[in-house]
Structure formats: C-alpha cells, structure tokens
C-alpha atoms as a PDB file:
ATOM      1  CA  MET A   1      23.216  -5.072 -20.208  1.00  0.00           C
ATOM      2  CA  LEU A   2      20.702  -6.376 -22.754  1.00  0.00           C
ATOM      3  CA  GLU A   3      23.077  -8.283 -25.045  1.00  0.00           C
ATOM      4  CA  GLY A   4      22.999 -11.424 -22.861  1.00  0.00           C
ATOM      5  CA  ASN A   5      19.780 -12.781 -24.330  1.00  0.00           C
ATOM      6  CA  GLY A   6      21.689 -13.817 -27.456  1.00  0.00           C
ATOM      7  CA  ALA A   7      24.157 -15.896 -25.453  1.00  0.00           C
ATOM      8  CA  ILE A   8      21.257 -17.512 -23.585  1.00  0.00           C
ATOM      9  CA  MET A   9      19.560 -18.539 -26.822  1.00  0.00           C
ATOM     10  CA  ARG A  10      22.801 -19.954 -28.213  1.00  0.00           C
ATOM     11  CA  ALA A  11      23.327 -21.922 -24.991  1.00  0.00           C
ATOM     12  CA  MET A  12      19.796 -23.335 -25.151  1.00  0.00           C
ATOM     13  CA  LEU A  13      20.295 -24.518 -28.728  1.00  0.00           C
ATOM     14  CA  ALA A  14      23.699 -26.033 -27.927  1.00  0.00           C
ATOM     15  CA  GLU A  15      22.342 -27.884 -24.876  1.00  0.00           C
ATOM     16  CA  ARG A  16      19.097 -29.212 -26.359  1.00  0.00           C
ATOM     17  CA  ILE A  17      20.184 -30.164 -29.879  1.00  0.00           C
ATOM     18  CA  GLU A  18      23.058 -32.470 -30.802  1.00  0.00           C
ATOM     19  CA  GLY A  19      25.026 -33.458 -33.869  1.00  0.00           C
ATOM     20  CA  PRO A  20      24.921 -31.788 -37.289  1.00  0.00           C
ATOM     21  CA  LEU A  21      21.466 -30.356 -36.560  1.00  0.00           C
ATOM     22  CA  ARG A  22      22.930 -28.300 -33.695  1.00  0.00           C
ATOM     23  CA  ASN A  23      25.525 -26.707 -35.952  1.00  0.00           C
ATOM     24  CA  HIS A  24      22.853 -25.911 -38.511  1.00  0.00           C
ATOM     25  CA  ALA A  25      20.581 -24.452 -35.813  1.00  0.00           C
ATOM     26  CA  LEU A  26      23.371 -22.236 -34.466  1.00  0.00           C
ATOM     27  CA  SER A  27      24.025 -20.959 -37.969  1.00  0.00           C
ATOM     28  CA  TRP A  28      20.336 -20.203 -38.467  1.00  0.00           C
ATOM     29  CA  LEU A  29      20.317 -18.297 -35.183  1.00  0.00           C
ATOM     30  CA  ASN A  30      23.191 -16.197 -36.515  1.00  0.00           C
ATOM     31  CA  GLY A  31      21.088 -15.605 -39.600  1.00  0.00           C
ATOM     32  CA  ALA A  32      18.196 -14.469 -37.394  1.00  0.00           C
ATOM     33  CA  PHE A  33      20.434 -11.862 -35.748  1.00  0.00           C
ATOM     34  CA  ASN A  34      21.826 -10.517 -38.987  1.00  0.00           C
ATOM     35  CA  PRO A  35      18.607  -8.854 -40.240  1.00  0.00           C
ATOM     36  CA  GLY A  36      18.809  -6.646 -37.163  1.00  0.00           C
ATOM     37  CA  TRP A  37      22.237  -5.470 -38.254  1.00  0.00           C
ATOM     38  CA  LEU A  38      20.752  -5.004 -41.720  1.00  0.00           C
ATOM     39  CA  VAL A  39      17.614  -3.076 -40.738  1.00  0.00           C
ATOM     40  CA  GLY A  40      19.160  -1.085 -37.885  1.00  0.00           C
ATOM     41  CA  PRO A  41      21.617   1.047 -39.903  1.00  0.00           C
ATOM     42  CA  LEU A  42      19.040   1.460 -42.660  1.00  0.00           C
ATOM     43  CA  LEU A  43      16.450   2.644 -40.146  1.00  0.00           C
ATOM     44  CA  ALA A  44      18.990   5.035 -38.641  1.00  0.00           C
ATOM     45  CA  GLY A  45      19.829   6.426 -42.064  1.00  0.00           C
ATOM     46  CA  LEU A  46      16.158   7.012 -42.850  1.00  0.00           C
ATOM     47  CA  THR A  47      15.292   8.650 -39.510  1.00  0.00           C
ATOM     48  CA  VAL A  48      18.400  10.730 -38.831  1.00  0.00           C
ATOM     49  CA  ASP A  49      16.911  13.696 -40.683  1.00  0.00           C
ATOM     50  CA  ALA A  50      14.182  13.893 -38.031  1.00  0.00           C
ATOM     51  CA  GLY A  51      16.806  14.357 -35.336  1.00  0.00           C
ATOM     52  CA  ILE A  52      20.254  13.044 -34.532  1.00  0.00           C
ATOM     53  CA  THR A  53      18.990  11.409 -31.319  1.00  0.00           C
ATOM     54  CA  LEU A  54      15.986   9.615 -32.826  1.00  0.00           C
ATOM     55  CA  PRO A  55      17.938   6.539 -34.059  1.00  0.00           C
ATOM     56  CA  PHE A  56      19.293   6.051 -30.535  1.00  0.00           C
ATOM     57  CA  TYR A  57      15.806   6.150 -29.037  1.00  0.00           C
ATOM     58  CA  ILE A  58      14.655   3.588 -31.600  1.00  0.00           C
ATOM     59  CA  ALA A  59      17.657   1.337 -30.830  1.00  0.00           C
ATOM     60  CA  ALA A  60      17.038   1.547 -27.071  1.00  0.00           C
ATOM     61  CA  GLY A  61      13.356   0.734 -27.556  1.00  0.00           C
ATOM     62  CA  ALA A  62      14.202  -2.304 -29.701  1.00  0.00           C
ATOM     63  CA  LEU A  63      16.600  -3.644 -27.065  1.00  0.00           C
ATOM     64  CA  VAL A  64      14.062  -3.207 -24.277  1.00  0.00           C
ATOM     65  CA  LEU A  65      11.421  -4.937 -26.398  1.00  0.00           C
ATOM     66  CA  GLY A  66      13.783  -7.868 -27.046  1.00  0.00           C
ATOM     67  CA  ALA A  67      14.555  -8.207 -23.338  1.00  0.00           C
ATOM     68  CA  ALA A  68      10.855  -8.133 -22.449  1.00  0.00           C
ATOM     69  CA  LEU A  69      10.012 -10.804 -25.027  1.00  0.00           C
ATOM     70  CA  ALA A  70      12.863 -13.029 -23.807  1.00  0.00           C
ATOM     71  CA  ALA A  71      11.731 -12.651 -20.190  1.00  0.00           C
ATOM     72  CA  ARG A  72       8.187 -13.607 -21.173  1.00  0.00           C
ATOM     73  CA  ALA A  73       9.040 -16.503 -23.477  1.00  0.00           C
ATOM     74  CA  LEU A  74      11.813 -18.292 -21.552  1.00  0.00           C
ATOM     75  CA  GLU A  75      10.850 -20.608 -18.714  1.00  0.00           C
ATOM     76  CA  ARG A  76      12.413 -19.932 -15.334  1.00  0.00           C
ATOM     77  CA  GLU A  77      14.788 -22.691 -14.239  1.00  0.00           C
ATOM     78  CA  PRO A  78      16.461 -23.277 -10.870  1.00  0.00           C
ATOM     79  CA  VAL A  79      20.135 -22.383 -10.661  1.00  0.00           C
ATOM     80  CA  ARG A  80      22.244 -25.500 -11.074  1.00  0.00           C
ATOM     81  CA  GLY A  81      24.883 -26.465  -8.589  1.00  0.00           C
ATOM     82  CA  GLY A  82      23.061 -26.097  -5.283  1.00  0.00           C
ATOM     83  CA  GLY A  83      22.157 -23.054  -3.251  1.00  0.00           C
ATOM     84  CA  GLY A  84      23.866 -19.752  -2.818  1.00  0.00           C
ATOM     85  CA  SER A  85      23.075 -16.228  -3.825  1.00  0.00           C
ATOM     86  CA  TRP A  86      23.002 -14.939  -7.381  1.00  0.00           C
ATOM     87  CA  TRP A  87      26.096 -12.855  -6.647  1.00  0.00           C
ATOM     88  CA  ALA A  88      27.986 -15.900  -5.346  1.00  0.00           C
ATOM     89  CA  HIS A  89      27.262 -17.805  -8.554  1.00  0.00           C
ATOM     90  CA  ALA A  90      28.248 -14.812 -10.681  1.00  0.00           C
ATOM     91  CA  ARG A  91      31.513 -14.427  -8.764  1.00  0.00           C
ATOM     92  CA  GLU A  92      32.500 -18.109  -8.681  1.00  0.00           C
ATOM     93  CA  ARG A  93      31.177 -19.403 -12.002  1.00  0.00           C
ATOM     94  CA  HIS A  94      31.648 -16.531 -14.428  1.00  0.00           C
ATOM     95  CA  ALA A  95      32.907 -17.233 -17.936  1.00  0.00           C
ATOM     96  CA  LEU A  96      36.452 -15.969 -17.290  1.00  0.00           C
ATOM     97  CA  THR A  97      37.077 -19.112 -15.231  1.00  0.00           C
ATOM     98  CA  LEU A  98      37.247 -20.936 -18.578  1.00  0.00           C
ATOM     99  CA  LEU A  99      40.619 -19.315 -19.202  1.00  0.00           C
ATOM    100  CA  ARG A 100      42.107 -21.719 -16.675  1.00  0.00           C
ATOM    101  CA  GLN A 101      41.807 -24.381 -19.368  1.00  0.00           C
ATOM    102  CA  ALA A 102      44.639 -24.324 -21.917  1.00  0.00           C
ATOM    103  CA  PRO A 103      42.518 -25.305 -24.987  1.00  0.00           C
ATOM    104  CA  LEU A 104      39.983 -22.595 -24.197  1.00  0.00           C
ATOM    105  CA  ARG A 105      42.745 -20.044 -23.654  1.00  0.00           C
ATOM    106  CA  MET A 106      43.974 -20.863 -27.144  1.00  0.00           C
ATOM    107  CA  LEU A 107      40.455 -20.573 -28.576  1.00  0.00           C
ATOM    108  CA  PHE A 108      39.942 -17.260 -26.791  1.00  0.00           C
ATOM    109  CA  GLY A 109      43.257 -15.879 -28.046  1.00  0.00           C
ATOM    110  CA  VAL A 110      42.669 -16.879 -31.665  1.00  0.00           C
ATOM    111  CA  HIS A 111      39.114 -15.626 -31.791  1.00  0.00           C
ATOM    112  CA  PHE A 112      39.962 -12.463 -29.870  1.00  0.00           C
ATOM    113  CA  ALA A 113      42.548 -11.607 -32.526  1.00  0.00           C
ATOM    114  CA  TYR A 114      40.002 -12.265 -35.277  1.00  0.00           C
ATOM    115  CA  ALA A 115      37.333 -10.235 -33.469  1.00  0.00           C
ATOM    116  CA  CYS A 116      39.703  -7.273 -33.031  1.00  0.00           C
ATOM    117  CA  GLY A 117      40.384  -7.248 -36.765  1.00  0.00           C
ATOM    118  CA  VAL A 118      36.682  -7.457 -37.609  1.00  0.00           C
ATOM    119  CA  ALA A 119      35.751  -4.747 -35.105  1.00  0.00           C
ATOM    120  CA  ALA A 120      38.444  -2.445 -36.523  1.00  0.00           C
ATOM    121  CA  PHE A 121      37.059  -3.093 -40.018  1.00  0.00           C
ATOM    122  CA  TYR A 122      33.514  -2.271 -38.909  1.00  0.00           C
ATOM    123  CA  GLU A 123      34.672   0.971 -37.338  1.00  0.00           C
ATOM    124  CA  PHE A 124      36.835   1.962 -40.301  1.00  0.00           C
ATOM    125  CA  PHE A 125      34.860   1.175 -43.440  1.00  0.00           C
ATOM    126  CA  PRO A 126      32.174   3.880 -42.914  1.00  0.00           C
ATOM    127  CA  LEU A 127      34.984   6.435 -42.626  1.00  0.00           C
ATOM    128  CA  TRP A 128      36.567   4.966 -45.767  1.00  0.00           C
ATOM    129  CA  LEU A 129      33.252   5.328 -47.606  1.00  0.00           C
ATOM    130  CA  VAL A 130      33.039   8.978 -46.558  1.00  0.00           C
ATOM    131  CA  ASP A 131      36.672   9.801 -47.286  1.00  0.00           C
ATOM    132  CA  VAL A 132      37.116   7.875 -50.531  1.00  0.00           C
ATOM    133  CA  GLY A 133      33.615   7.547 -51.959  1.00  0.00           C
ATOM    134  CA  ARG A 134      32.073  10.728 -50.511  1.00  0.00           C
ATOM    135  CA  TYR A 135      29.166   8.642 -49.248  1.00  0.00           C
ATOM    136  CA  GLY A 136      26.454  10.114 -47.048  1.00  0.00           C
ATOM    137  CA  THR A 137      24.640   8.561 -44.090  1.00  0.00           C
ATOM    138  CA  ARG A 138      21.994   6.812 -46.163  1.00  0.00           C
ATOM    139  CA  ASP A 139      24.510   5.531 -48.704  1.00  0.00           C
ATOM    140  CA  ILE A 140      26.590   3.979 -45.924  1.00  0.00           C
ATOM    141  CA  ALA A 141      23.442   2.388 -44.519  1.00  0.00           C
ATOM    142  CA  PHE A 142      22.713   0.762 -47.897  1.00  0.00           C
ATOM    143  CA  VAL A 143      26.270  -0.606 -48.159  1.00  0.00           C
ATOM    144  CA  ASN A 144      25.966  -2.066 -44.666  1.00  0.00           C
ATOM    145  CA  MET A 145      22.582  -3.484 -45.642  1.00  0.00           C
ATOM    146  CA  GLY A 146      24.153  -5.302 -48.583  1.00  0.00           C
ATOM    147  CA  MET A 147      26.868  -6.819 -46.407  1.00  0.00           C
ATOM    148  CA  CYS A 148      24.405  -7.943 -43.737  1.00  0.00           C
ATOM    149  CA  ALA A 149      21.989  -9.330 -46.338  1.00  0.00           C
ATOM    150  CA  LEU A 150      24.803 -11.491 -47.703  1.00  0.00           C
ATOM    151  CA  MET A 151      25.660 -12.647 -44.167  1.00  0.00           C
ATOM    152  CA  THR A 152      22.027 -13.547 -43.544  1.00  0.00           C
ATOM    153  CA  CYS A 153      21.759 -15.603 -46.729  1.00  0.00           C
ATOM    154  CA  ALA A 154      25.103 -17.314 -46.093  1.00  0.00           C
ATOM    155  CA  ALA A 155      24.063 -18.254 -42.542  1.00  0.00           C
ATOM    156  CA  LEU A 156      21.233 -20.376 -43.953  1.00  0.00           C
ATOM    157  CA  PHE A 157      23.808 -22.732 -45.469  1.00  0.00           C
ATOM    158  CA  ALA A 158      26.968 -22.191 -43.411  1.00  0.00           C
ATOM    159  CA  GLY A 159      26.047 -24.680 -40.669  1.00  0.00           C
ATOM    160  CA  ARG A 160      25.656 -27.689 -42.928  1.00  0.00           C
ATOM    161  CA  ALA A 161      27.849 -30.716 -42.363  1.00  0.00           C
ATOM    162  CA  SER A 162      31.180 -30.799 -44.199  1.00  0.00           C
ATOM    163  CA  ARG A 163      33.780 -33.486 -44.765  1.00  0.00           C
ATOM    164  CA  HIS A 164      36.576 -30.988 -44.113  1.00  0.00           C
ATOM    165  CA  GLU A 165      38.080 -30.604 -40.640  1.00  0.00           C
ATOM    166  CA  PRO A 166      36.385 -27.633 -38.861  1.00  0.00           C
ATOM    167  CA  ARG A 167      39.577 -25.893 -37.757  1.00  0.00           C
ATOM    168  CA  ARG A 168      40.998 -25.957 -41.268  1.00  0.00           C
ATOM    169  CA  ARG A 169      37.742 -24.582 -42.636  1.00  0.00           C
ATOM    170  CA  ALA A 170      37.723 -21.811 -40.022  1.00  0.00           C
ATOM    171  CA  ALA A 171      41.316 -20.927 -40.901  1.00  0.00           C
ATOM    172  CA  ALA A 172      40.494 -20.686 -44.605  1.00  0.00           C
ATOM    173  CA  GLN A 173      37.370 -18.634 -43.907  1.00  0.00           C
ATOM    174  CA  ALA A 174      39.281 -16.232 -41.646  1.00  0.00           C
ATOM    175  CA  ALA A 175      41.916 -15.845 -44.368  1.00  0.00           C
ATOM    176  CA  LEU A 176      39.240 -14.960 -46.935  1.00  0.00           C
ATOM    177  CA  ALA A 177      37.741 -12.416 -44.528  1.00  0.00           C
ATOM    178  CA  ALA A 178      41.195 -10.886 -44.068  1.00  0.00           C
ATOM    179  CA  LEU A 179      41.664 -10.788 -47.844  1.00  0.00           C
ATOM    180  CA  ALA A 180      38.389  -8.893 -48.247  1.00  0.00           C
ATOM    181  CA  ILE A 181      39.485  -6.358 -45.637  1.00  0.00           C
ATOM    182  CA  LEU A 182      42.872  -6.030 -47.335  1.00  0.00           C
ATOM    183  CA  ALA A 183      41.156  -5.337 -50.654  1.00  0.00           C
ATOM    184  CA  VAL A 184      39.473  -2.299 -49.113  1.00  0.00           C
ATOM    185  CA  GLY A 185      42.827  -0.819 -48.203  1.00  0.00           C
ATOM    186  CA  PHE A 186      44.627  -1.574 -51.456  1.00  0.00           C
ATOM    187  CA  GLY A 187      41.806  -1.572 -54.000  1.00  0.00           C
ATOM    188  CA  SER A 188      40.099   1.168 -55.941  1.00  0.00           C
ATOM    189  CA  PRO A 189      36.818   2.619 -54.619  1.00  0.00           C
ATOM    190  CA  GLY A 190      34.853   0.159 -56.737  1.00  0.00           C
ATOM    191  CA  ILE A 191      36.895  -2.832 -55.586  1.00  0.00           C
ATOM    192  CA  GLY A 192      36.728  -1.650 -51.987  1.00  0.00           C
ATOM    193  CA  LEU A 193      32.961  -1.324 -52.106  1.00  0.00           C
ATOM    194  CA  VAL A 194      32.571  -4.853 -53.482  1.00  0.00           C
ATOM    195  CA  ALA A 195      35.014  -6.188 -50.883  1.00  0.00           C
ATOM    196  CA  ILE A 196      33.035  -4.623 -48.025  1.00  0.00           C
ATOM    197  CA  VAL A 197      29.883  -6.398 -49.138  1.00  0.00           C
ATOM    198  CA  LEU A 198      31.611  -9.707 -49.935  1.00  0.00           C
ATOM    199  CA  PHE A 199      33.273  -9.722 -46.504  1.00  0.00           C
ATOM    200  CA  GLY A 200      29.925 -10.909 -45.126  1.00  0.00           C
ATOM    201  CA  LEU A 201      30.268 -14.284 -46.874  1.00  0.00           C
ATOM    202  CA  PRO A 202      33.434 -15.721 -45.244  1.00  0.00           C
ATOM    203  CA  HIS A 203      32.565 -13.991 -41.959  1.00  0.00           C
ATOM    204  CA  ALA A 204      29.215 -15.793 -41.753  1.00  0.00           C
ATOM    205  CA  TYR A 205      30.847 -19.135 -42.547  1.00  0.00           C
ATOM    206  CA  TYR A 206      33.621 -18.558 -39.994  1.00  0.00           C
ATOM    207  CA  ASN A 207      31.083 -17.783 -37.260  1.00  0.00           C
ATOM    208  CA  ALA A 208      29.080 -20.915 -38.018  1.00  0.00           C
ATOM    209  CA  THR A 209      32.142 -23.149 -38.214  1.00  0.00           C
ATOM    210  CA  ILE A 210      33.866 -22.002 -35.037  1.00  0.00           C
ATOM    211  CA  ARG A 211      30.659 -21.939 -32.991  1.00  0.00           C
ATOM    212  CA  GLY A 212      29.665 -25.442 -33.996  1.00  0.00           C
ATOM    213  CA  TRP A 213      33.157 -26.805 -33.393  1.00  0.00           C
ATOM    214  CA  ALA A 214      33.389 -25.143 -29.972  1.00  0.00           C
ATOM    215  CA  ALA A 215      29.941 -26.450 -28.971  1.00  0.00           C
ATOM    216  CA  ASP A 216      31.026 -29.992 -29.887  1.00  0.00           C
ATOM    217  CA  GLN A 217      34.484 -29.839 -28.318  1.00  0.00           C
ATOM    218  CA  PHE A 218      33.834 -27.992 -25.050  1.00  0.00           C
ATOM    219  CA  ALA A 219      30.300 -28.980 -24.043  1.00  0.00           C
ATOM    220  CA  ALA A 220      31.601 -30.343 -20.736  1.00  0.00           C
ATOM    221  CA  TYR A 221      32.476 -26.823 -19.574  1.00  0.00           C
ATOM    222  CA  GLY A 222      28.903 -25.567 -19.961  1.00  0.00           C
ATOM    223  CA  GLN A 223      27.356 -24.242 -23.132  1.00  0.00           C
ATOM    224  CA  GLY A 224      26.322 -20.909 -21.629  1.00  0.00           C
ATOM    225  CA  ALA A 225      29.848 -20.073 -20.480  1.00  0.00           C
ATOM    226  CA  GLN A 226      31.287 -21.330 -23.757  1.00  0.00           C
ATOM    227  CA  SER A 227      28.956 -18.974 -25.595  1.00  0.00           C
ATOM    228  CA  TRP A 228      30.855 -16.067 -24.073  1.00  0.00           C
ATOM    229  CA  ALA A 229      34.221 -17.446 -25.153  1.00  0.00           C
ATOM    230  CA  CYS A 230      33.063 -17.343 -28.757  1.00  0.00           C
ATOM    231  CA  SER A 231      30.891 -14.242 -28.727  1.00  0.00           C
ATOM    232  CA  ARG A 232      31.006 -12.020 -31.734  1.00  0.00           C
ATOM    233  CA  PRO A 233      32.234  -8.433 -31.707  1.00  0.00           C
ATOM    234  CA  PRO A 234      29.713  -5.771 -30.697  1.00  0.00           C
ATOM    235  CA  PHE A 235      28.790  -4.742 -34.220  1.00  0.00           C
ATOM    236  CA  ALA A 236      27.638  -7.210 -36.787  1.00  0.00           C
ATOM    237  CA  TRP A 237      28.603  -9.959 -33.781  1.00  0.00           C
ATOM    238  CA  PRO A 238      27.568  -9.745 -36.652  1.00  0.00           C
ATOM    239  CA  ILE A 239      30.562 -15.861 -32.337  1.00  0.00           C
ATOM    240  CA  SER A 240      28.682 -18.843 -29.168  1.00  0.00           C
END
C-alpha cells in the first residue's frame, strides 16, 4: 500500500524533465532508493538479536514515515480528465489498460521475464550463502550491502547519454546480469560471492536504460501509468 510513492516520484520526474537530463534524473532516483536496500538488511541483521520481530517494526515505521513525508511535500493537484469519483478513475484508467497497446504488451512481457529472474535470484542467494558458505544473518546482510552499494554507485552514471541504441544496451545489460546469476550456480563459493555483488552493476544500468527509453517512447500514454509497466521487482526494485 505504501510502495506507490516511488512510482509517483518517477512520474513527476518523467513529466517535468525532458531529454538526456530526464534519463539521468531517473537514474539518480534509482540511486536514491538503493541505499534503503543497502541499509535495511544491514539494520535487520544488527537488530535481529534483540527480537525476531524488531526488524519488521522498524521497516513498517520507515514506510509510514516515507508516506507521511510524501503527503506533506507533494502539492495536491486536481484529477485530470474531468469529474468522477476516485473509484471511477481507478477502475477506468488503471495501468493494466496499457496492455491494450501492442508495444507496451511487448515491453511488459520482456521486463516481466527479467523481473521474475531477478526476483528468483534475490530469494535464492541468501539460501545459497547459508547452504554453501555457512553464512549467518549478519554476513548475508553485509553481502547484500555490497551489492546495493555497487548499484547505488552505478546509478550515478548509468543514466548518462550514450551513442548506442537503448534497446541493444538493455539487452547486453540483461545478458550480463544473467551471466552473474549463472556464475552463482556454477561457480565456486568465492566466485559465487563475487558474482552476487557484481550483479548490481549490470542491473543498475539495465534499470536506467529501460526506464529512460520507456519514458521517451511512451510518454503519450501517461508517465504515471508507464511507471507501473516498468516497475522493479519488490526487493532491490532494486524499473518506471
């Protein structure tokens, strides 16, 4: 219920900034999210000894705080497109209506496949660290911190203009992310550990590339709705 503020911020950037600066701004926004994925697991690892439920209380409090700050900072705007109730707008203009458009169906399908692979990786690698490396809760938190730190640093540069076609860049970046995941399965514990951390590099570049390209190509459909079509997976996404 509280995840929507990220999509709103991405939509605001996409609507109010144009050209290469917009792509760079979207990438920086991704970089702003990533420290949360970095600090959150670390904080959980450091507080879990005080009680297994304490990290969840901290996470809930952080989400409520973020929602309160967004509600205070963002100006209220009238709903576009005439009158009608909030429910009518939600029913008639929700993001799934974008799937009526063939190019957006293709984008959704491609990114959904990528997101499923990334989500499976996020769910699996902590188990791999426990099973193969005998890592504990805090050790896993530090590994995740390294990956997210790399994603944060990469996001500062990933949105810069490039002479290469965006879809080809996204394809190459997705392939490198897949290669990093593959290395975890087929590599030694040392190689797997390095691959987990290095995965953050192509993943950050892929997110920046596909978000910027989608914002440029499909602005006519509404940036807020388009943000949903490219949203990142629940963990670590850390697309719009």
